[in-house]
Amino acid sequence: MFDGDSHMKEEKKMLSGIMSLEKAALERLTEERITSGSLGQEVEEMLSAAGVYWDSLNEEYFDIQAFQKETFERLRMEYASQSDA
């Protein structure tokens, strides 16, 4: 018998692990860029193709998909709370 609840928990656990790895990788890339000044044009192009960009204001790399997801979730929660009022 299929247990949807345990399947969802497994998916969340796996997604959490992936996000943790991605965060660590972005932190290492950021440290390397700050230390060396540049990762090189080829690396920047590869990162850009993968949706990873340099934020010159915060001086860190970020994943555009994760940023969009967080933004949409925040806006959804914000507007949902306004419509409940």
PDB file of N, CA and C in Angstrom:
ATOM      1  N   MET A   1       0.841  -1.184   0.000  1.00  0.00           N
ATOM      2  CA  MET A   1       0.000   0.000   0.000  1.00  0.00           C
ATOM      3  C   MET A   1       0.887   1.249   0.000  1.00  0.00           C
ATOM      4  N   PHE A   2       0.506   2.226  -0.762  1.00  0.00           N
ATOM      5  CA  PHE A   2       1.265   3.470  -0.896  1.00  0.00           C
ATOM      6  C   PHE A   2       0.937   4.408   0.250  1.00  0.00           C
ATOM      7  N   ASP A   3       1.974   4.868   0.943  1.00  0.00           N
ATOM      8  CA  ASP A   3       1.791   5.803   2.050  1.00  0.00           C
ATOM      9  C   ASP A   3       2.249   7.181   1.592  1.00  0.00           C
ATOM     10  N   GLY A   4       1.306   8.007   1.166  1.00  0.00           N
ATOM     11  CA  GLY A   4       1.611   9.329   0.631  1.00  0.00           C
ATOM     12  C   GLY A   4       2.313  10.222   1.618  1.00  0.00           C
ATOM     13  N   ASP A   5       1.945  10.117   2.905  1.00  0.00           N
ATOM     14  CA  ASP A   5       2.548  10.981   3.924  1.00  0.00           C
ATOM     15  C   ASP A   5       4.037  10.682   4.087  1.00  0.00           C
ATOM     16  N   SER A   6       4.402   9.423   4.153  1.00  0.00           N
ATOM     17  CA  SER A   6       5.826   9.090   4.307  1.00  0.00           C
ATOM     18  C   SER A   6       6.585   9.429   3.026  1.00  0.00           C
ATOM     19  N   HIS A   7       5.922   9.297   1.879  1.00  0.00           N
ATOM     20  CA  HIS A   7       6.554   9.664   0.606  1.00  0.00           C
ATOM     21  C   HIS A   7       6.847  11.168   0.582  1.00  0.00           C
ATOM     22  N   MET A   8       5.918  11.976   1.041  1.00  0.00           N
ATOM     23  CA  MET A   8       6.106  13.434   1.093  1.00  0.00           C
ATOM     24  C   MET A   8       7.245  13.785   2.049  1.00  0.00           C
ATOM     25  N   LYS A   9       7.321  13.100   3.177  1.00  0.00           N
ATOM     26  CA  LYS A   9       8.395  13.353   4.142  1.00  0.00           C
ATOM     27  C   LYS A   9       9.750  13.030   3.528  1.00  0.00           C
ATOM     28  N   GLU A  10       9.814  11.926   2.776  1.00  0.00           N
ATOM     29  CA  GLU A  10      11.059  11.549   2.108  1.00  0.00           C
ATOM     30  C   GLU A  10      11.460  12.601   1.076  1.00  0.00           C
ATOM     31  N   GLU A  11      10.489  13.083   0.311  1.00  0.00           N
ATOM     32  CA  GLU A  11      10.776  14.107  -0.689  1.00  0.00           C
ATOM     33  C   GLU A  11      11.274  15.386  -0.027  1.00  0.00           C
ATOM     34  N   LYS A  12      10.627  15.791   1.057  1.00  0.00           N
ATOM     35  CA  LYS A  12      11.058  17.000   1.769  1.00  0.00           C
ATOM     36  C   LYS A  12      12.462  16.825   2.333  1.00  0.00           C
ATOM     37  N   LYS A  13      12.744  15.655   2.858  1.00  0.00           N
ATOM     38  CA  LYS A  13      14.065  15.369   3.413  1.00  0.00           C
ATOM     39  C   LYS A  13      15.126  15.430   2.314  1.00  0.00           C
ATOM     40  N   MET A  14      14.816  14.830   1.155  1.00  0.00           N
ATOM     41  CA  MET A  14      15.752  14.837   0.042  1.00  0.00           C
ATOM     42  C   MET A  14      15.957  16.261  -0.480  1.00  0.00           C
ATOM     43  N   LEU A  15      14.878  17.011  -0.620  1.00  0.00           N
ATOM     44  CA  LEU A  15      14.976  18.390  -1.087  1.00  0.00           C
ATOM     45  C   LEU A  15      15.796  19.241  -0.118  1.00  0.00           C
ATOM     46  N   SER A  16      15.586  19.016   1.162  1.00  0.00           N
ATOM     47  CA  SER A  16      16.351  19.739   2.180  1.00  0.00           C
ATOM     48  C   SER A  16      17.847  19.438   2.052  1.00  0.00           C
ATOM     49  N   GLY A  17      18.171  18.186   1.806  1.00  0.00           N
ATOM     50  CA  GLY A  17      19.570  17.796   1.626  1.00  0.00           C
ATOM     51  C   GLY A  17      20.187  18.443   0.397  1.00  0.00           C
ATOM     52  N   ILE A  18      19.428  18.475  -0.690  1.00  0.00           N
ATOM     53  CA  ILE A  18      19.905  19.099  -1.918  1.00  0.00           C
ATOM     54  C   ILE A  18      20.119  20.592  -1.701  1.00  0.00           C
ATOM     55  N   MET A  19      19.170  21.242  -1.048  1.00  0.00           N
ATOM     56  CA  MET A  19      19.281  22.674  -0.793  1.00  0.00           C
ATOM     57  C   MET A  19      20.489  22.974   0.094  1.00  0.00           C
ATOM     58  N   SER A  20      20.750  22.109   1.035  1.00  0.00           N
ATOM     59  CA  SER A  20      21.903  22.273   1.917  1.00  0.00           C
ATOM     60  C   SER A  20      23.206  22.173   1.128  1.00  0.00           C
ATOM     61  N   LEU A  21      23.283  21.200   0.227  1.00  0.00           N
ATOM     62  CA  LEU A  21      24.468  21.054  -0.616  1.00  0.00           C
ATOM     63  C   LEU A  21      24.639  22.263  -1.526  1.00  0.00           C
ATOM     64  N   GLU A  22      23.527  22.729  -2.093  1.00  0.00           N
ATOM     65  CA  GLU A  22      23.595  23.882  -2.984  1.00  0.00           C
ATOM     66  C   GLU A  22      24.060  25.122  -2.229  1.00  0.00           C
ATOM     67  N   LYS A  23      23.546  25.301  -1.033  1.00  0.00           N
ATOM     68  CA  LYS A  23      23.943  26.460  -0.221  1.00  0.00           C
ATOM     69  C   LYS A  23      25.440  26.414   0.078  1.00  0.00           C
ATOM     70  N   ALA A  24      25.936  25.242   0.446  1.00  0.00           N
ATOM     71  CA  ALA A  24      27.362  25.089   0.737  1.00  0.00           C
ATOM     72  C   ALA A  24      28.207  25.377  -0.502  1.00  0.00           C
ATOM     73  N   ALA A  25      27.752  24.900  -1.668  1.00  0.00           N
ATOM     74  CA  ALA A  25      28.491  25.139  -2.912  1.00  0.00           C
ATOM     75  C   ALA A  25      28.514  26.627  -3.250  1.00  0.00           C
ATOM     76  N   LEU A  26      27.373  27.306  -3.086  1.00  0.00           N
ATOM     77  CA  LEU A  26      27.324  28.742  -3.360  1.00  0.00           C
ATOM     78  C   LEU A  26      28.233  29.512  -2.404  1.00  0.00           C
ATOM     79  N   GLU A  27      28.277  29.079  -1.149  1.00  0.00           N
ATOM     80  CA  GLU A  27      29.160  29.729  -0.175  1.00  0.00           C
ATOM     81  C   GLU A  27      30.622  29.556  -0.566  1.00  0.00           C
ATOM     82  N   ARG A  28      30.994  28.356  -1.027  1.00  0.00           N
ATOM     83  CA  ARG A  28      32.382  28.122  -1.452  1.00  0.00           C
ATOM     84  C   ARG A  28      32.723  28.948  -2.684  1.00  0.00           C
ATOM     85  N   LEU A  29      31.801  29.013  -3.634  1.00  0.00           N
ATOM     86  CA  LEU A  29      32.029  29.840  -4.819  1.00  0.00           C
ATOM     87  C   LEU A  29      32.206  31.308  -4.431  1.00  0.00           C
ATOM     88  N   THR A  30      31.369  31.768  -3.504  1.00  0.00           N
ATOM     89  CA  THR A  30      31.448  33.155  -3.036  1.00  0.00           C
ATOM     90  C   THR A  30      32.800  33.423  -2.389  1.00  0.00           C
ATOM     91  N   GLU A  31      33.224  32.523  -1.508  1.00  0.00           N
ATOM     92  CA  GLU A  31      34.518  32.687  -0.836  1.00  0.00           C
ATOM     93  C   GLU A  31      35.652  32.738  -1.856  1.00  0.00           C
ATOM     94  N   GLU A  32      35.592  31.855  -2.848  1.00  0.00           N
ATOM     95  CA  GLU A  32      36.634  31.811  -3.881  1.00  0.00           C
ATOM     96  C   GLU A  32      36.654  33.107  -4.684  1.00  0.00           C
ATOM     97  N   ARG A  33      35.477  33.619  -5.033  1.00  0.00           N
ATOM     98  CA  ARG A  33      35.432  34.860  -5.819  1.00  0.00           C
ATOM     99  C   ARG A  33      35.961  36.026  -4.999  1.00  0.00           C
ATOM    100  N   ILE A  34      35.603  36.100  -3.736  1.00  0.00           N
ATOM    101  CA  ILE A  34      36.079  37.195  -2.881  1.00  0.00           C
ATOM    102  C   ILE A  34      37.598  37.107  -2.719  1.00  0.00           C
ATOM    103  N   THR A  35      38.098  35.892  -2.554  1.00  0.00           N
ATOM    104  CA  THR A  35      39.534  35.685  -2.374  1.00  0.00           C
ATOM    105  C   THR A  35      40.324  35.996  -3.637  1.00  0.00           C
ATOM    106  N   SER A  36      39.846  35.469  -4.777  1.00  0.00           N
ATOM    107  CA  SER A  36      40.625  35.597  -6.014  1.00  0.00           C
ATOM    108  C   SER A  36      40.223  36.786  -6.881  1.00  0.00           C
ATOM    109  N   GLY A  37      39.058  37.356  -6.609  1.00  0.00           N
ATOM    110  CA  GLY A  37      38.603  38.487  -7.403  1.00  0.00           C
ATOM    111  C   GLY A  37      37.773  38.097  -8.605  1.00  0.00           C
ATOM    112  N   SER A  38      37.973  36.895  -9.122  1.00  0.00           N
ATOM    113  CA  SER A  38      37.207  36.433 -10.275  1.00  0.00           C
ATOM    114  C   SER A  38      37.363  34.923 -10.396  1.00  0.00           C
ATOM    115  N   LEU A  39      36.340  34.293 -10.908  1.00  0.00           N
ATOM    116  CA  LEU A  39      36.429  32.854 -11.162  1.00  0.00           C
ATOM    117  C   LEU A  39      36.745  32.571 -12.623  1.00  0.00           C
ATOM    118  N   GLY A  40      36.820  33.623 -13.413  1.00  0.00           N
ATOM    119  CA  GLY A  40      37.117  33.464 -14.831  1.00  0.00           C
ATOM    120  C   GLY A  40      35.850  33.476 -15.671  1.00  0.00           C
ATOM    121  N   GLN A  41      35.998  33.904 -16.895  1.00  0.00           N
ATOM    122  CA  GLN A  41      34.859  34.065 -17.802  1.00  0.00           C
ATOM    123  C   GLN A  41      34.136  32.753 -18.062  1.00  0.00           C
ATOM    124  N   GLU A  42      34.882  31.667 -18.280  1.00  0.00           N
ATOM    125  CA  GLU A  42      34.265  30.362 -18.564  1.00  0.00           C
ATOM    126  C   GLU A  42      33.408  29.893 -17.398  1.00  0.00           C
ATOM    127  N   VAL A  43      33.917  30.033 -16.194  1.00  0.00           N
ATOM    128  CA  VAL A  43      33.180  29.604 -15.007  1.00  0.00           C
ATOM    129  C   VAL A  43      31.940  30.464 -14.839  1.00  0.00           C
ATOM    130  N   GLU A  44      32.078  31.770 -15.012  1.00  0.00           N
ATOM    131  CA  GLU A  44      30.930  32.673 -14.889  1.00  0.00           C
ATOM    132  C   GLU A  44      29.847  32.320 -15.903  1.00  0.00           C
ATOM    133  N   GLU A  45      30.249  31.991 -17.132  1.00  0.00           N
ATOM    134  CA  GLU A  45      29.288  31.610 -18.160  1.00  0.00           C
ATOM    135  C   GLU A  45      28.582  30.306 -17.808  1.00  0.00           C
ATOM    136  N   MET A  46      29.336  29.345 -17.261  1.00  0.00           N
ATOM    137  CA  MET A  46      28.743  28.082 -16.839  1.00  0.00           C
ATOM    138  C   MET A  46      27.736  28.303 -15.713  1.00  0.00           C
ATOM    139  N   LEU A  47      28.129  29.118 -14.743  1.00  0.00           N
ATOM    140  CA  LEU A  47      27.233  29.407 -13.621  1.00  0.00           C
ATOM    141  C   LEU A  47      25.971  30.105 -14.111  1.00  0.00           C
ATOM    142  N   SER A  48      26.142  31.054 -15.000  1.00  0.00           N
ATOM    143  CA  SER A  48      25.002  31.778 -15.558  1.00  0.00           C
ATOM    144  C   SER A  48      24.055  30.831 -16.284  1.00  0.00           C
ATOM    145  N   ALA A  49      24.598  29.903 -17.040  1.00  0.00           N
ATOM    146  CA  ALA A  49      23.774  28.921 -17.749  1.00  0.00           C
ATOM    147  C   ALA A  49      22.998  28.042 -16.779  1.00  0.00           C
ATOM    148  N   ALA A  50      23.559  27.843 -15.581  1.00  0.00           N
ATOM    149  CA  ALA A  50      22.896  27.035 -14.555  1.00  0.00           C
ATOM    150  C   ALA A  50      21.959  27.861 -13.680  1.00  0.00           C
ATOM    151  N   GLY A  51      21.870  29.176 -13.946  1.00  0.00           N
ATOM    152  CA  GLY A  51      20.975  30.024 -13.162  1.00  0.00           C
ATOM    153  C   GLY A  51      21.586  30.545 -11.879  1.00  0.00           C
ATOM    154  N   VAL A  52      22.914  30.581 -11.828  1.00  0.00           N
ATOM    155  CA  VAL A  52      23.628  31.087 -10.655  1.00  0.00           C
ATOM    156  C   VAL A  52      24.305  32.392 -11.041  1.00  0.00           C
ATOM    157  N   TYR A  53      24.015  33.425 -10.278  1.00  0.00           N
ATOM    158  CA  TYR A  53      24.505  34.768 -10.616  1.00  0.00           C
ATOM    159  C   TYR A  53      25.199  35.414  -9.426  1.00  0.00           C
ATOM    160  N   TRP A  54      26.064  36.384  -9.729  1.00  0.00           N
ATOM    161  CA  TRP A  54      26.779  37.140  -8.721  1.00  0.00           C
ATOM    162  C   TRP A  54      25.941  38.350  -8.330  1.00  0.00           C
ATOM    163  N   ASP A  55      25.687  38.486  -7.040  1.00  0.00           N
ATOM    164  CA  ASP A  55      24.972  39.643  -6.496  1.00  0.00           C
ATOM    165  C   ASP A  55      26.034  40.628  -6.025  1.00  0.00           C
ATOM    166  N   SER A  56      26.265  41.688  -6.792  1.00  0.00           N
ATOM    167  CA  SER A  56      27.336  42.627  -6.463  1.00  0.00           C
ATOM    168  C   SER A  56      26.998  43.478  -5.244  1.00  0.00           C
ATOM    169  N   LEU A  57      25.723  43.609  -4.914  1.00  0.00           N
ATOM    170  CA  LEU A  57      25.335  44.368  -3.730  1.00  0.00           C
ATOM    171  C   LEU A  57      25.680  43.606  -2.445  1.00  0.00           C
ATOM    172  N   ASN A  58      25.275  42.336  -2.392  1.00  0.00           N
ATOM    173  CA  ASN A  58      25.545  41.501  -1.214  1.00  0.00           C
ATOM    174  C   ASN A  58      26.850  40.730  -1.321  1.00  0.00           C
ATOM    175  N   GLU A  59      27.494  40.840  -2.476  1.00  0.00           N
ATOM    176  CA  GLU A  59      28.745  40.145  -2.754  1.00  0.00           C
ATOM    177  C   GLU A  59      28.648  38.657  -2.439  1.00  0.00           C
ATOM    178  N   GLU A  60      27.715  38.002  -3.168  1.00  0.00           N
ATOM    179  CA  GLU A  60      27.543  36.565  -3.016  1.00  0.00           C
ATOM    180  C   GLU A  60      26.871  36.000  -4.269  1.00  0.00           C
ATOM    181  N   TYR A  61      27.092  34.707  -4.498  1.00  0.00           N
ATOM    182  CA  TYR A  61      26.401  34.028  -5.575  1.00  0.00           C
ATOM    183  C   TYR A  61      25.029  33.600  -5.073  1.00  0.00           C
ATOM    184  N   PHE A  62      24.052  33.582  -5.994  1.00  0.00           N
ATOM    185  CA  PHE A  62      22.724  33.118  -5.629  1.00  0.00           C
ATOM    186  C   PHE A  62      22.116  32.356  -6.795  1.00  0.00           C
ATOM    187  N   ASP A  63      21.218  31.462  -6.472  1.00  0.00           N
ATOM    188  CA  ASP A  63      20.493  30.667  -7.466  1.00  0.00           C
ATOM    189  C   ASP A  63      19.180  31.377  -7.756  1.00  0.00           C
ATOM    190  N   ILE A  64      18.984  31.779  -8.996  1.00  0.00           N
ATOM    191  CA  ILE A  64      17.803  32.551  -9.367  1.00  0.00           C
ATOM    192  C   ILE A  64      16.518  31.772  -9.100  1.00  0.00           C
ATOM    193  N   GLN A  65      16.518  30.462  -9.313  1.00  0.00           N
ATOM    194  CA  GLN A  65      15.310  29.669  -9.064  1.00  0.00           C
ATOM    195  C   GLN A  65      14.954  29.659  -7.581  1.00  0.00           C
ATOM    196  N   ALA A  66      15.946  29.496  -6.727  1.00  0.00           N
ATOM    197  CA  ALA A  66      15.682  29.518  -5.287  1.00  0.00           C
ATOM    198  C   ALA A  66      15.197  30.898  -4.860  1.00  0.00           C
ATOM    199  N   PHE A  67      15.803  31.940  -5.413  1.00  0.00           N
ATOM    200  CA  PHE A  67      15.392  33.305  -5.103  1.00  0.00           C
ATOM    201  C   PHE A  67      13.939  33.536  -5.509  1.00  0.00           C
ATOM    202  N   GLN A  68      13.581  33.109  -6.716  1.00  0.00           N
ATOM    203  CA  GLN A  68      12.213  33.280  -7.189  1.00  0.00           C
ATOM    204  C   GLN A  68      11.228  32.504  -6.322  1.00  0.00           C
ATOM    205  N   LYS A  69      11.589  31.286  -5.974  1.00  0.00           N
ATOM    206  CA  LYS A  69      10.707  30.460  -5.135  1.00  0.00           C
ATOM    207  C   LYS A  69      10.473  31.132  -3.784  1.00  0.00           C
ATOM    208  N   GLU A  70      11.552  31.602  -3.156  1.00  0.00           N
ATOM    209  CA  GLU A  70      11.426  32.276  -1.859  1.00  0.00           C
ATOM    210  C   GLU A  70      10.587  33.545  -1.984  1.00  0.00           C
ATOM    211  N   THR A  71      10.805  34.303  -3.051  1.00  0.00           N
ATOM    212  CA  THR A  71      10.054  35.547  -3.264  1.00  0.00           C
ATOM    213  C   THR A  71       8.572  35.263  -3.464  1.00  0.00           C
ATOM    214  N   PHE A  72       8.254  34.303  -4.327  1.00  0.00           N
ATOM    215  CA  PHE A  72       6.850  33.972  -4.585  1.00  0.00           C
ATOM    216  C   PHE A  72       6.172  33.439  -3.331  1.00  0.00           C
ATOM    217  N   GLU A  73       6.881  32.635  -2.556  1.00  0.00           N
ATOM    218  CA  GLU A  73       6.312  32.100  -1.306  1.00  0.00           C
ATOM    219  C   GLU A  73       6.042  33.232  -0.314  1.00  0.00           C
ATOM    220  N   ARG A  74       6.999  34.154  -0.197  1.00  0.00           N
ATOM    221  CA  ARG A  74       6.821  35.289   0.710  1.00  0.00           C
ATOM    222  C   ARG A  74       5.632  36.138   0.270  1.00  0.00           C
ATOM    223  N   LEU A  75       5.535  36.405  -1.026  1.00  0.00           N
ATOM    224  CA  LEU A  75       4.415  37.198  -1.534  1.00  0.00           C
ATOM    225  C   LEU A  75       3.087  36.468  -1.352  1.00  0.00           C
ATOM    226  N   ARG A  76       3.091  35.156  -1.578  1.00  0.00           N
ATOM    227  CA  ARG A  76       1.874  34.363  -1.395  1.00  0.00           C
ATOM    228  C   ARG A  76       1.395  34.452   0.051  1.00  0.00           C
ATOM    229  N   MET A  77       2.323  34.315   0.971  1.00  0.00           N
ATOM    230  CA  MET A  77       1.968  34.384   2.399  1.00  0.00           C
ATOM    231  C   MET A  77       1.491  35.787   2.765  1.00  0.00           C
ATOM    232  N   GLU A  78       2.166  36.789   2.234  1.00  0.00           N
ATOM    233  CA  GLU A  78       1.818  38.177   2.523  1.00  0.00           C
ATOM    234  C   GLU A  78       0.416  38.499   2.012  1.00  0.00           C
ATOM    235  N   TYR A  79       0.136  38.123   0.773  1.00  0.00           N
ATOM    236  CA  TYR A  79      -1.181  38.423   0.197  1.00  0.00           C
ATOM    237  C   TYR A  79      -2.273  37.535   0.781  1.00  0.00           C
ATOM    238  N   ALA A  80      -1.945  36.321   1.161  1.00  0.00           N
ATOM    239  CA  ALA A  80      -2.924  35.429   1.784  1.00  0.00           C
ATOM    240  C   ALA A  80      -3.346  36.006   3.130  1.00  0.00           C
ATOM    241  N   SER A  81      -2.385  36.561   3.883  1.00  0.00           N
ATOM    242  CA  SER A  81      -2.723  37.133   5.196  1.00  0.00           C
ATOM    243  C   SER A  81      -3.540  38.406   5.040  1.00  0.00           C
ATOM    244  N   GLN A  82      -3.319  39.150   3.942  1.00  0.00           N
ATOM    245  CA  GLN A  82      -4.101  40.364   3.694  1.00  0.00           C
ATOM    246  C   GLN A  82      -5.532  40.029   3.309  1.00  0.00           C
ATOM    247  N   SER A  83      -5.716  38.936   2.568  1.00  0.00           N
ATOM    248  CA  SER A  83      -7.062  38.576   2.148  1.00  0.00           C
ATOM    249  C   SER A  83      -7.846  37.939   3.297  1.00  0.00           C
ATOM    250  N   ASP A  84      -7.154  37.427   4.318  1.00  0.00           N
ATOM    251  CA  ASP A  84      -7.814  36.876   5.486  1.00  0.00           C
ATOM    252  C   ASP A  84      -8.318  37.950   6.426  1.00  0.00           C
ATOM    253  N   ALA A  85      -7.722  39.145   6.318  1.00  0.00           N
ATOM    254  CA  ALA A  85      -8.064  40.226   7.243  1.00  0.00           C
ATOM    255  C   ALA A  85      -9.390  40.852   6.937  1.00  0.00           C
TER     256      ALA A  85
END
